[in-house]
Amino acid sequence: MANKFRLEFEDGTTQTVKAVIKPPKDIVQFVAGTTDPVNTSGLKHQANKDYWIGADNLWKKVKDLKPQFLDLHVQEEFFSWSGDNNTDERTKGAERLLDVLLRVYSNWKNKEVHLHLIGHSHGGNVINQFTDIIAKSGDFPKFWKIKSITYLSTPFFQEQHQLNLDKLHADCKIINVHNDYDITQRFVADFTLHNLEHLIGNFIEKDRLDGAIEAIKAIDMEPFDNLTDFSINNHTEGPALWTAMRDILVQAEILMDVVQKNVAFMGDRTIVSPEKQEFLSIINDIHAYIIGRITVFNAGLTDRDGGYGRSEFLEDLDLATVMPEINRIINITTDESDSFLLNFLDNVFTDEGNGLLSKIDDTSRSPEKQVNGKFPIEDFDITDLDIYDERGKKANFERFATGVEDAMIRNDKNSLKEILMRMISQFINPDDLAGIINGIDWAEYIITGDLDTQLKEARRNLGVYLELIEEYNEDLITADDLANDDLEIKPGSIPYLAMTSHGLSHTDLFDDSKHKVKDALMSAFSSGSNPGYNG
């Protein structure tokens, strides 16, 4: 319907004209997040179209809104960026976003356009960087404004990727969706990493590694029961035991060979830290030991000179040679601060010039600091929609999460080691480690000499680790879920909390009575309702 306007000209004459005022065009643009938070895969442009597509998901439901509005456009050719968890790649992603919008909508540069940006995870930080770029770019169209930003599980930095408000519409809507169980948003994203692809290339011979692990699982362990007997039959039991041990060693050699090749990059640096030098030396020594033991057990598969028995088995295994190397790896005196393994991992992350860690920037679950009170924030907590919330483990989880967060806030020389130990402790059942220690106790009854000394040292080291694990392990996974083999990723496990809980926010356009994300987004559209829509 045309509107009437009365125009007055410079000579004083007037004229009534009819004109149609066209509402702004609404453009919805999705920006995917970091799909590989620790940058291990080396795959580029993972933050791409597969990120959003599903049978009944967020992207589809937003696209289904198009008929309800007069001029709503949902980006069909999905914008993509590398998805790498580092500052430079997020900045490049923001630059690419501007380029895509200018090219796809080049015919609308002189029209009023309202952008609605939806970003998951670090996609929200790409959006923030985009707002800074367009505020300083002469290429950004004069009549374009950002009318809404929907943040889905975005970790908001204190220093990096700050929101620039210059190109936000006066009525811009800020929507924030988050999940308490999302450890990626809560603390994993605090660590900005160099791309591991740059440091070590794609993981070498992963198929061999996986094959060796599966082969070890398939080995029949029944022959080892004979070690508890007073005598071992030379014709059947002995050869079976030696064969089983040989098979384990063969697969262990494959594992060590793959590990050696994948940590070799540490020794290729101009400056190699003492921690890395010692670790590489230990790995080389253990690998050489395994190769030597394969030769020995191969020679004793049949008609072993001297026959078969428990003492003969221990003689051929020669644990006294390798136990000092194992004790070097697991060496710990009192706590995380003097753990060889944790100090090594700390050095891998923080070694100046060669470390994996680029920056630590404490993140927040809310964009309050970014918005600075200039725009209202519609906040949606979807914690209760996470299936893990039904497990009755909220208190356990909060002890774990706040323990990590407190160590991060403390930010002293031992903080990263404590964080690593707290994370590792969620993978280890204290009862299993206690069982290994009990096994060492049993072995000491039949072992003497240097090996006995080394076993005592191993028991002491493992005892210190057990105390830490008993302190830090929060029993995050229910017994039923642990027993459920159909659950590939167990609710409450670190992978679940880092990926599944983190990804929940981009799986749906939530529209229940408590989580009205759909209503919040729709109310930001400016192109007007379609009077002919009958849906």
Protein backbone atom coordinates (compact mmCIF):
# COMPACT_ATOMS: atom_id res chain seq x y z
CA MET A 1 0.00 0.00 0.00
CA ALA A 2 1.37 3.44 -0.99
CA ASN A 3 1.87 6.22 1.52
CA LYS A 4 1.03 9.89 0.71
CA PHE A 5 3.70 12.54 1.21
CA ARG A 6 3.36 16.33 0.78
CA LEU A 7 6.51 17.90 -0.65
CA GLU A 8 7.36 21.59 -0.48
CA PHE A 9 9.79 22.97 -3.07
CA GLU A 10 12.19 25.92 -2.82
CA ASP A 11 9.82 28.22 -4.75
CA GLY A 12 7.11 27.61 -2.14
CA THR A 13 4.95 25.32 -4.25
CA THR A 14 3.72 22.03 -2.83
CA GLN A 15 2.78 18.70 -4.30
CA THR A 16 1.30 15.49 -2.93
CA VAL A 17 2.98 12.28 -4.06
CA LYS A 18 2.41 8.61 -3.37
CA ALA A 19 5.39 6.40 -2.48
CA VAL A 20 5.96 2.87 -1.22
CA ILE A 21 8.43 2.62 1.66
CA LYS A 22 10.20 -0.69 1.41
CA PRO A 23 11.30 -2.25 4.70
CA PRO A 24 14.93 -3.32 5.16
CA LYS A 25 16.15 -6.63 3.84
CA ASP A 26 16.97 -9.17 6.56
CA ILE A 27 20.02 -11.41 6.01
CA VAL A 28 20.78 -14.27 8.38
CA GLN A 29 24.41 -15.39 8.30
CA PHE A 30 25.68 -18.43 10.19
CA VAL A 31 29.27 -18.52 11.46
CA ALA A 32 30.43 -21.95 12.62
CA GLY A 33 32.85 -22.42 15.47
CA THR A 34 36.04 -24.30 16.19
CA THR A 35 35.39 -27.97 15.49
CA ASP A 36 38.82 -29.11 16.67
CA PRO A 37 39.60 -27.15 19.87
CA VAL A 38 43.13 -28.49 20.22
CA ASN A 39 44.03 -28.26 16.53
CA THR A 40 45.16 -31.84 16.09
CA SER A 41 43.56 -32.85 12.82
CA GLY A 42 45.23 -30.54 10.32
CA LEU A 43 42.01 -30.34 8.28
CA LYS A 44 41.20 -26.92 6.89
CA HIS A 45 37.75 -25.31 6.65
CA GLN A 46 36.12 -27.71 9.04
CA ALA A 47 33.90 -24.82 10.18
CA ASN A 48 31.80 -25.36 7.09
CA LYS A 49 28.35 -26.39 5.90
CA ASP A 50 28.28 -29.85 7.53
CA TYR A 51 28.47 -28.04 10.85
CA TRP A 52 24.86 -26.91 10.64
CA ILE A 53 23.01 -29.37 8.42
CA GLY A 54 20.74 -31.95 10.03
CA ALA A 55 17.26 -33.38 9.77
CA ASP A 56 15.67 -31.04 12.30
CA ASN A 57 18.24 -28.56 13.51
CA LEU A 58 18.88 -24.88 14.03
CA TRP A 59 19.75 -24.00 10.42
CA LYS A 60 16.70 -25.78 9.02
CA LYS A 61 14.37 -24.15 11.52
CA VAL A 62 15.74 -20.68 10.78
CA LYS A 63 15.37 -21.35 7.06
CA ASP A 64 11.75 -22.41 7.66
CA LEU A 65 11.05 -18.88 8.93
CA LYS A 66 11.59 -17.35 5.47
CA PRO A 67 7.93 -17.58 4.27
CA GLN A 68 6.77 -15.76 7.40
CA PHE A 69 8.60 -12.55 6.47
CA LEU A 70 8.52 -10.25 3.45
CA ASP A 71 12.24 -10.08 2.73
CA LEU A 72 14.17 -12.59 4.85
CA HIS A 73 17.23 -14.23 3.34
CA VAL A 74 19.19 -17.10 4.88
CA GLN A 75 22.67 -17.54 3.48
CA GLU A 76 22.52 -20.63 1.26
CA GLU A 77 26.19 -20.84 0.30
CA PHE A 78 27.68 -21.43 3.68
CA PHE A 79 30.46 -19.16 4.76
CA SER A 80 33.48 -21.11 5.98
CA TRP A 81 36.71 -20.45 7.77
CA SER A 82 39.52 -22.74 8.93
CA GLY A 83 38.02 -23.30 12.39
CA ASP A 84 41.50 -23.36 13.94
CA ASN A 85 41.71 -22.37 17.61
CA ASN A 86 44.02 -19.39 17.22
CA THR A 87 43.69 -15.63 16.97
CA ASP A 88 45.07 -15.21 13.45
CA GLU A 89 42.65 -17.71 11.94
CA ARG A 90 39.66 -16.11 13.66
CA THR A 91 40.75 -12.73 12.28
CA LYS A 92 41.13 -14.19 8.79
CA GLY A 93 37.67 -15.70 9.18
CA ALA A 94 36.22 -12.25 9.97
CA GLU A 95 37.88 -10.77 6.89
CA ARG A 96 36.50 -13.59 4.78
CA LEU A 97 33.02 -13.02 6.21
CA LEU A 98 33.06 -9.40 5.01
CA ASP A 99 34.29 -10.51 1.59
CA VAL A 100 31.53 -13.14 1.26
CA LEU A 101 28.74 -10.73 2.22
CA LEU A 102 29.95 -8.05 -0.18
CA ARG A 103 30.18 -10.52 -3.06
CA VAL A 104 26.95 -12.45 -2.45
CA TYR A 105 24.86 -9.32 -1.86
CA SER A 106 26.71 -6.93 -4.17
CA ASN A 107 23.43 -5.72 -5.73
CA TRP A 108 22.19 -4.49 -2.35
CA LYS A 109 25.07 -2.20 -1.41
CA ASN A 110 22.83 0.86 -1.73
CA LYS A 111 19.82 -0.69 0.00
CA GLU A 112 18.97 -0.83 3.68
CA VAL A 113 20.10 -4.22 4.93
CA HIS A 114 19.88 -5.64 8.44
CA LEU A 115 22.34 -8.41 9.25
CA HIS A 116 21.50 -11.14 11.74
CA LEU A 117 24.66 -13.03 12.71
CA ILE A 118 24.50 -16.41 14.44
CA GLY A 119 27.80 -17.74 15.73
CA HIS A 120 28.60 -20.92 17.61
CA SER A 121 31.65 -21.21 19.86
CA HIS A 122 34.55 -19.22 18.39
CA GLY A 123 32.21 -18.32 15.52
CA GLY A 124 30.92 -15.70 17.96
CA ASN A 125 34.46 -14.33 18.26
CA VAL A 126 34.76 -14.26 14.46
CA ILE A 127 31.58 -12.14 14.52
CA ASN A 128 33.09 -9.83 17.14
CA GLN A 129 36.22 -9.43 15.03
CA PHE A 130 33.98 -8.77 12.03
CA THR A 131 32.30 -5.87 13.88
CA ASP A 132 35.71 -4.29 14.40
CA ILE A 133 36.72 -4.77 10.77
CA ILE A 134 33.53 -3.22 9.34
CA ALA A 135 33.80 -0.27 11.73
CA LYS A 136 37.15 0.60 10.14
CA SER A 137 36.47 -0.48 6.55
CA GLY A 138 35.40 1.92 3.85
CA ASP A 139 33.96 -1.02 1.90
CA PHE A 140 31.14 -1.76 4.31
CA PRO A 141 27.91 -0.35 2.79
CA LYS A 142 26.54 2.82 4.35
CA PHE A 143 22.99 1.51 4.75
CA TRP A 144 23.91 -1.86 6.27
CA LYS A 145 23.58 -2.45 10.02
CA ILE A 146 23.84 -5.42 12.35
CA LYS A 147 20.35 -5.92 13.80
CA SER A 148 21.00 -9.02 15.91
CA ILE A 149 23.83 -11.22 17.13
CA THR A 150 23.06 -14.67 18.49
CA TYR A 151 25.93 -16.14 20.49
CA LEU A 152 25.80 -19.92 20.93
CA SER A 153 28.26 -21.20 23.55
CA THR A 154 30.72 -18.44 22.69
CA PRO A 155 33.67 -18.01 25.07
CA PHE A 156 34.02 -14.23 25.45
CA PHE A 157 37.61 -13.05 25.74
CA GLN A 158 38.78 -10.25 28.01
CA GLU A 159 41.38 -8.98 25.54
CA GLN A 160 40.98 -10.59 22.12
CA HIS A 161 38.09 -10.15 19.67
CA GLN A 162 36.20 -7.36 21.39
CA LEU A 163 32.79 -6.31 20.10
CA ASN A 164 32.81 -2.98 18.23
CA LEU A 165 29.41 -1.30 18.55
CA ASP A 166 29.78 1.27 15.76
CA LYS A 167 27.86 -0.64 13.07
CA LEU A 168 25.23 -2.13 15.35
CA HIS A 169 21.67 -0.91 14.79
CA ALA A 170 20.25 1.22 17.60
CA ASP A 171 17.76 -1.58 18.30
CA CYS A 172 20.29 -4.41 17.89
CA LYS A 173 19.32 -7.53 19.81
CA ILE A 174 21.99 -9.54 21.65
CA ILE A 175 21.01 -13.19 22.28
CA ASN A 176 23.22 -15.41 24.44
CA VAL A 177 22.74 -19.20 24.72
CA HIS A 178 24.94 -21.21 27.09
CA ASN A 179 25.23 -24.49 29.01
CA ASP A 180 26.87 -24.90 32.43
CA TYR A 181 28.27 -28.32 31.47
CA ASP A 182 30.16 -26.83 28.51
CA ILE A 183 33.81 -27.00 29.60
CA THR A 184 34.99 -25.66 26.23
CA GLN A 185 33.26 -22.37 26.91
CA ARG A 186 34.10 -22.39 30.63
CA PHE A 187 37.84 -22.98 30.43
CA VAL A 188 39.21 -24.98 27.47
CA ALA A 189 38.79 -21.96 25.18
CA ASP A 190 40.93 -19.86 27.53
CA PHE A 191 43.90 -21.52 25.86
CA THR A 192 44.60 -20.22 22.37
CA LEU A 193 46.88 -22.73 20.65
CA HIS A 194 49.29 -22.69 17.78
CA ASN A 195 48.08 -25.04 15.06
CA LEU A 196 49.51 -28.50 15.73
CA GLU A 197 49.42 -29.09 12.00
CA HIS A 198 52.06 -26.37 11.68
CA LEU A 199 54.18 -27.92 14.42
CA ILE A 200 54.02 -31.63 13.68
CA GLY A 201 52.05 -32.10 10.48
CA ASN A 202 49.25 -34.62 10.29
CA PHE A 203 49.53 -37.47 12.77
CA ILE A 204 51.83 -40.07 11.23
CA GLU A 205 50.70 -43.70 10.84
CA LYS A 206 47.58 -43.46 12.99
CA ASP A 207 46.25 -46.61 11.32
CA ARG A 208 49.26 -48.57 12.57
CA LEU A 209 48.72 -47.18 16.05
CA ASP A 210 45.03 -48.11 16.09
CA GLY A 211 45.79 -51.53 14.62
CA ALA A 212 48.38 -52.27 17.31
CA ILE A 213 46.00 -51.30 20.10
CA GLU A 214 43.26 -53.52 18.71
CA ALA A 215 45.74 -56.39 18.24
CA ILE A 216 46.82 -56.17 21.90
CA LYS A 217 43.17 -56.25 23.00
CA ALA A 218 42.67 -59.42 20.92
CA ILE A 219 45.62 -61.32 22.43
CA ASP A 220 44.60 -64.25 24.63
CA MET A 221 45.84 -63.43 28.16
CA GLU A 222 45.00 -66.84 29.64
CA PRO A 223 48.60 -68.14 29.37
CA PHE A 224 49.68 -65.51 31.92
CA ASP A 225 47.59 -67.28 34.57
CA ASN A 226 50.32 -69.93 34.62
CA LEU A 227 52.69 -67.43 36.27
CA THR A 228 50.85 -68.05 39.56
CA ASP A 229 51.60 -71.81 39.39
CA PHE A 230 54.61 -73.45 41.01
CA SER A 231 55.58 -75.06 37.70
CA ILE A 232 54.95 -74.38 34.01
CA ASN A 233 54.62 -77.21 31.51
CA ASN A 234 57.53 -77.13 29.04
CA HIS A 235 55.51 -78.56 26.15
CA THR A 236 52.32 -76.46 26.13
CA GLU A 237 52.03 -73.83 28.87
CA GLY A 238 55.54 -72.45 28.48
CA PRO A 239 55.47 -71.97 24.68
CA ALA A 240 51.96 -70.45 24.93
CA LEU A 241 53.13 -67.93 27.55
CA TRP A 242 56.25 -66.99 25.55
CA THR A 243 54.16 -66.64 22.39
CA ALA A 244 51.63 -64.37 24.11
CA MET A 245 54.42 -62.20 25.53
CA ARG A 246 56.14 -62.05 22.15
CA ASP A 247 52.88 -60.98 20.49
CA ILE A 248 52.38 -58.20 23.03
CA LEU A 249 55.95 -56.98 22.53
CA VAL A 250 55.55 -56.96 18.74
CA GLN A 251 52.49 -54.70 18.99
CA ALA A 252 54.15 -52.60 21.70
CA GLU A 253 57.08 -52.03 19.33
CA ILE A 254 54.67 -50.72 16.71
CA LEU A 255 53.16 -48.37 19.28
CA MET A 256 56.57 -47.08 20.32
CA ASP A 257 57.68 -46.71 16.71
CA VAL A 258 54.64 -44.56 15.91
CA VAL A 259 55.09 -42.53 19.10
CA GLN A 260 58.77 -41.98 18.28
CA LYS A 261 57.96 -40.71 14.81
CA ASN A 262 55.27 -38.37 16.11
CA VAL A 263 57.40 -36.81 18.85
CA ALA A 264 60.52 -36.55 16.68
CA PHE A 265 59.54 -32.97 15.77
CA MET A 266 60.63 -31.93 19.29
CA GLY A 267 64.23 -32.75 18.48
CA ASP A 268 64.13 -30.85 15.18
CA ARG A 269 63.98 -27.44 16.88
CA THR A 270 66.97 -25.10 16.97
CA ILE A 271 66.70 -25.06 20.77
CA VAL A 272 65.41 -28.18 22.52
CA SER A 273 64.52 -27.86 26.20
CA PRO A 274 66.09 -30.27 28.73
CA GLU A 275 62.62 -31.66 29.48
CA LYS A 276 62.07 -32.58 25.84
CA GLN A 277 65.60 -33.96 25.47
CA GLU A 278 65.09 -36.26 28.46
CA PHE A 279 61.68 -37.40 27.23
CA LEU A 280 63.04 -38.25 23.78
CA SER A 281 65.91 -40.16 25.39
CA ILE A 282 63.49 -42.22 27.51
CA ILE A 283 61.29 -43.03 24.51
CA ASN A 284 64.33 -44.16 22.50
CA ASP A 285 65.59 -46.36 25.36
CA ILE A 286 62.20 -48.04 25.88
CA HIS A 287 61.87 -48.66 22.15
CA ALA A 288 65.31 -50.29 22.05
CA TYR A 289 64.42 -52.44 25.06
CA ILE A 290 61.24 -53.74 23.38
CA ILE A 291 63.10 -54.63 20.19
CA GLY A 292 65.66 -56.58 22.24
CA ARG A 293 62.98 -58.47 24.17
CA ILE A 294 61.22 -59.50 20.95
CA THR A 295 64.41 -61.23 19.86
CA VAL A 296 64.74 -63.02 23.19
CA PHE A 297 61.14 -64.26 23.32
CA ASN A 298 61.25 -65.31 19.67
CA ALA A 299 64.22 -67.51 20.51
CA GLY A 300 62.30 -69.15 23.34
CA LEU A 301 59.04 -69.94 21.58
CA THR A 302 59.89 -73.67 21.50
CA ASP A 303 62.43 -75.80 23.36
CA ARG A 304 63.78 -72.85 25.32
CA ASP A 305 67.27 -73.55 26.64
CA GLY A 306 66.81 -74.05 30.38
CA GLY A 307 63.11 -74.76 30.11
CA TYR A 308 60.13 -72.66 31.14
CA GLY A 309 59.10 -71.22 34.50
CA ARG A 310 58.28 -68.07 36.40
CA SER A 311 61.91 -67.14 37.05
CA GLU A 312 62.81 -67.92 33.43
CA PHE A 313 59.99 -65.68 32.24
CA LEU A 314 61.20 -62.79 34.41
CA GLU A 315 64.76 -63.42 33.25
CA ASP A 316 63.80 -63.11 29.58
CA LEU A 317 61.53 -60.13 30.22
CA ASP A 318 64.41 -58.38 32.04
CA LEU A 319 62.24 -55.72 33.62
CA ALA A 320 65.24 -54.48 35.60
CA THR A 321 66.53 -52.93 32.36
CA VAL A 322 63.39 -50.95 31.51
CA MET A 323 62.00 -50.14 34.96
CA PRO A 324 64.45 -47.25 35.53
CA GLU A 325 63.13 -45.64 32.33
CA ILE A 326 59.52 -46.17 33.41
CA ASN A 327 60.31 -44.67 36.80
CA ARG A 328 61.87 -41.65 35.12
CA ILE A 329 58.57 -41.02 33.32
CA ILE A 330 56.34 -41.52 36.37
CA ASN A 331 58.75 -39.89 38.83
CA ILE A 332 56.96 -37.66 41.33
CA THR A 333 57.93 -36.71 44.89
CA THR A 334 55.13 -34.78 46.52
CA ASP A 335 52.65 -33.26 44.03
CA GLU A 336 52.21 -31.78 40.52
CA SER A 337 55.07 -29.34 41.00
CA ASP A 338 57.75 -32.06 40.91
CA SER A 339 56.12 -34.57 38.52
CA PHE A 340 58.41 -35.31 35.58
CA LEU A 341 55.48 -36.07 33.27
CA LEU A 342 53.50 -32.94 34.21
CA ASN A 343 56.61 -30.75 33.97
CA PHE A 344 57.26 -32.22 30.52
CA LEU A 345 53.68 -31.52 29.39
CA ASP A 346 53.87 -28.02 30.87
CA ASN A 347 57.02 -27.44 28.82
CA VAL A 348 55.35 -28.76 25.66
CA PHE A 349 52.67 -26.10 26.08
CA THR A 350 54.67 -23.15 27.38
CA ASP A 351 58.24 -23.51 26.05
CA GLU A 352 59.04 -20.04 24.68
CA GLY A 353 59.20 -20.07 20.90
CA ASN A 354 58.38 -23.77 20.58
CA GLY A 355 55.35 -24.29 22.83
CA LEU A 356 51.84 -25.15 21.70
CA LEU A 357 50.27 -22.41 23.80
CA SER A 358 49.92 -19.06 22.09
CA LYS A 359 47.92 -17.14 24.68
CA ILE A 360 45.81 -17.53 27.82
CA ASP A 361 42.85 -15.17 28.00
CA ASP A 362 40.29 -15.74 30.75
CA THR A 363 36.91 -16.12 29.07
CA SER A 364 33.37 -15.42 30.22
CA ARG A 365 30.03 -17.05 29.46
CA SER A 366 28.35 -13.67 29.08
CA PRO A 367 28.93 -10.81 26.61
CA GLU A 368 28.22 -8.23 29.33
CA LYS A 369 31.71 -6.75 29.16
CA GLN A 370 31.56 -6.68 25.38
CA VAL A 371 28.16 -4.96 25.25
CA ASN A 372 29.05 -2.56 28.07
CA GLY A 373 25.43 -1.85 28.94
CA LYS A 374 24.66 -0.32 25.54
CA PHE A 375 22.24 -3.08 24.48
CA PRO A 376 20.00 -5.45 26.46
CA ILE A 377 21.08 -9.11 26.50
CA GLU A 378 18.50 -11.88 26.19
CA ASP A 379 20.10 -14.75 28.10
CA PHE A 380 19.08 -18.40 27.69
CA ASP A 381 20.55 -21.07 29.99
CA ILE A 382 20.00 -24.48 28.34
CA THR A 383 21.78 -26.53 31.02
CA ASP A 384 18.55 -28.39 31.83
CA LEU A 385 18.29 -29.53 28.19
CA ASP A 386 21.60 -31.40 28.35
CA ILE A 387 20.90 -35.11 28.93
CA TYR A 388 23.78 -35.13 31.42
CA ASP A 389 21.65 -32.96 33.69
CA GLU A 390 19.46 -36.03 34.29
CA ARG A 391 22.40 -38.00 35.68
CA GLY A 392 22.40 -36.33 39.12
CA LYS A 393 26.07 -35.38 38.81
CA LYS A 394 25.77 -31.57 38.87
CA ALA A 395 27.58 -31.20 42.21
CA ASN A 396 30.39 -33.52 41.05
CA PHE A 397 30.75 -31.57 37.84
CA GLU A 398 30.85 -28.20 39.57
CA ARG A 399 33.63 -29.39 41.90
CA PHE A 400 35.63 -30.44 38.84
CA ALA A 401 34.95 -27.28 36.82
CA THR A 402 35.52 -24.82 39.66
CA GLY A 403 38.73 -26.65 40.62
CA VAL A 404 40.10 -26.07 37.12
CA GLU A 405 38.82 -22.48 37.04
CA ASP A 406 40.33 -21.68 40.44
CA ALA A 407 43.72 -23.01 39.32
CA MET A 408 43.46 -20.86 36.20
CA ILE A 409 42.58 -17.75 38.21
CA ARG A 410 45.53 -18.39 40.52
CA ASN A 411 47.77 -18.32 37.43
CA ASP A 412 51.07 -19.29 39.07
CA LYS A 413 53.88 -21.53 37.85
CA ASN A 414 52.04 -24.69 38.87
CA SER A 415 48.56 -23.76 37.59
CA LEU A 416 48.83 -25.52 34.23
CA LYS A 417 50.27 -28.67 35.85
CA GLU A 418 47.36 -28.78 38.28
CA ILE A 419 44.86 -28.24 35.46
CA LEU A 420 46.43 -31.08 33.46
CA MET A 421 46.38 -33.36 36.52
CA ARG A 422 42.74 -32.52 37.23
CA MET A 423 41.85 -33.32 33.60
CA ILE A 424 43.88 -36.55 33.51
CA SER A 425 42.32 -37.68 36.80
CA GLN A 426 38.88 -37.82 35.17
CA PHE A 427 40.16 -40.55 32.80
CA ILE A 428 41.55 -42.80 35.55
CA ASN A 429 39.54 -44.87 37.99
CA PRO A 430 41.37 -44.67 41.36
CA ASP A 431 40.44 -48.32 42.04
CA ASP A 432 42.19 -49.42 38.83
CA LEU A 433 45.41 -47.63 39.81
CA ALA A 434 45.13 -49.07 43.31
CA GLY A 435 44.86 -52.52 41.70
CA ILE A 436 48.12 -51.95 39.80
CA ILE A 437 49.83 -50.92 43.04
CA ASN A 438 48.50 -54.08 44.73
CA GLY A 439 49.88 -56.10 41.82
CA ILE A 440 53.32 -54.58 42.41
CA ASP A 441 52.98 -55.49 46.10
CA TRP A 442 52.29 -59.09 45.09
CA ALA A 443 55.23 -59.14 42.66
CA GLU A 444 57.63 -58.06 45.38
CA TYR A 445 57.09 -61.39 47.13
CA ILE A 446 58.76 -63.22 44.25
CA ILE A 447 61.23 -60.60 42.98
CA THR A 448 64.53 -59.62 44.53
CA GLY A 449 67.60 -57.55 43.73
CA ASP A 450 67.67 -54.47 41.49
CA LEU A 451 64.23 -55.15 40.06
CA ASP A 452 62.75 -55.25 43.54
CA THR A 453 64.28 -51.82 44.22
CA GLN A 454 62.82 -50.45 41.00
CA LEU A 455 59.37 -51.90 41.78
CA LYS A 456 59.44 -50.25 45.22
CA GLU A 457 60.19 -46.93 43.49
CA ALA A 458 57.37 -47.49 40.99
CA ARG A 459 54.96 -48.27 43.82
CA ARG A 460 55.98 -45.08 45.62
CA ASN A 461 55.56 -42.96 42.46
CA LEU A 462 52.18 -44.46 41.66
CA GLY A 463 51.13 -43.99 45.29
CA VAL A 464 51.68 -40.23 45.02
CA TYR A 465 49.69 -40.14 41.78
CA LEU A 466 46.93 -42.18 43.42
CA GLU A 467 46.61 -39.57 46.18
CA LEU A 468 46.23 -36.82 43.57
CA ILE A 469 43.74 -38.81 41.50
CA GLU A 470 41.67 -39.65 44.58
CA GLU A 471 41.61 -35.92 45.38
CA TYR A 472 40.77 -34.74 41.84
CA ASN A 473 38.65 -37.53 40.34
CA GLU A 474 35.02 -36.40 40.68
CA ASP A 475 33.26 -39.59 39.52
CA LEU A 476 31.61 -37.72 36.65
CA ILE A 477 30.14 -40.73 34.81
CA THR A 478 27.33 -42.85 36.23
CA ALA A 479 27.84 -46.58 36.69
CA ASP A 480 25.02 -47.30 34.23
CA ASP A 481 26.64 -45.18 31.51
CA LEU A 482 30.02 -46.80 32.12
CA ALA A 483 28.42 -50.21 31.66
CA ASN A 484 26.53 -49.17 28.52
CA ASP A 485 28.67 -50.30 25.57
CA ASP A 486 26.30 -48.60 23.13
CA LEU A 487 27.38 -45.19 24.42
CA GLU A 488 30.48 -44.35 22.41
CA ILE A 489 30.86 -41.03 24.25
CA LYS A 490 29.81 -41.32 27.87
CA PRO A 491 27.83 -38.38 29.33
CA GLY A 492 30.14 -36.70 31.83
CA SER A 493 33.35 -37.78 30.12
CA ILE A 494 35.80 -35.07 29.11
CA PRO A 495 35.05 -35.58 25.37
CA TYR A 496 31.32 -35.33 26.08
CA LEU A 497 31.64 -32.15 28.14
CA ALA A 498 34.04 -30.55 25.66
CA MET A 499 32.12 -31.42 22.49
CA THR A 500 28.57 -32.67 23.07
CA SER A 501 27.69 -30.20 25.83
CA HIS A 502 29.47 -27.47 23.89
CA GLY A 503 27.60 -28.34 20.70
CA LEU A 504 24.11 -28.53 22.22
CA SER A 505 23.37 -24.84 21.58
CA HIS A 506 23.64 -25.17 17.79
CA THR A 507 21.44 -28.26 17.48
CA ASP A 508 18.07 -26.53 17.71
CA LEU A 509 16.18 -23.24 17.53
CA PHE A 510 14.82 -23.60 21.05
CA ASP A 511 11.18 -22.63 21.42
CA ASP A 512 9.82 -23.98 24.71
CA SER A 513 8.34 -21.88 27.50
CA LYS A 514 11.69 -21.45 29.24
CA HIS A 515 13.99 -21.11 26.24
CA LYS A 516 12.34 -18.76 23.73
CA VAL A 517 15.33 -18.32 21.46
CA LYS A 518 13.11 -18.50 18.37
CA ASP A 519 10.90 -15.63 19.56
CA ALA A 520 13.94 -13.53 20.42
CA LEU A 521 15.43 -13.98 16.95
CA MET A 522 12.16 -13.41 15.09
CA SER A 523 11.50 -10.19 16.98
CA ALA A 524 14.74 -8.77 15.57
CA PHE A 525 13.71 -9.16 11.91
CA SER A 526 12.81 -5.87 10.22
CA SER A 527 11.37 -6.82 6.83
CA GLY A 528 7.84 -7.25 8.19
CA SER A 529 5.47 -10.18 8.50
CA ASN A 530 4.11 -11.77 5.34
CA PRO A 531 0.32 -11.27 5.41
CA GLY A 532 -0.15 -14.18 3.01
CA TYR A 533 1.59 -16.72 5.25
CA ASN A 534 -0.83 -19.43 6.37
CA GLY A 535 1.60 -21.80 8.11
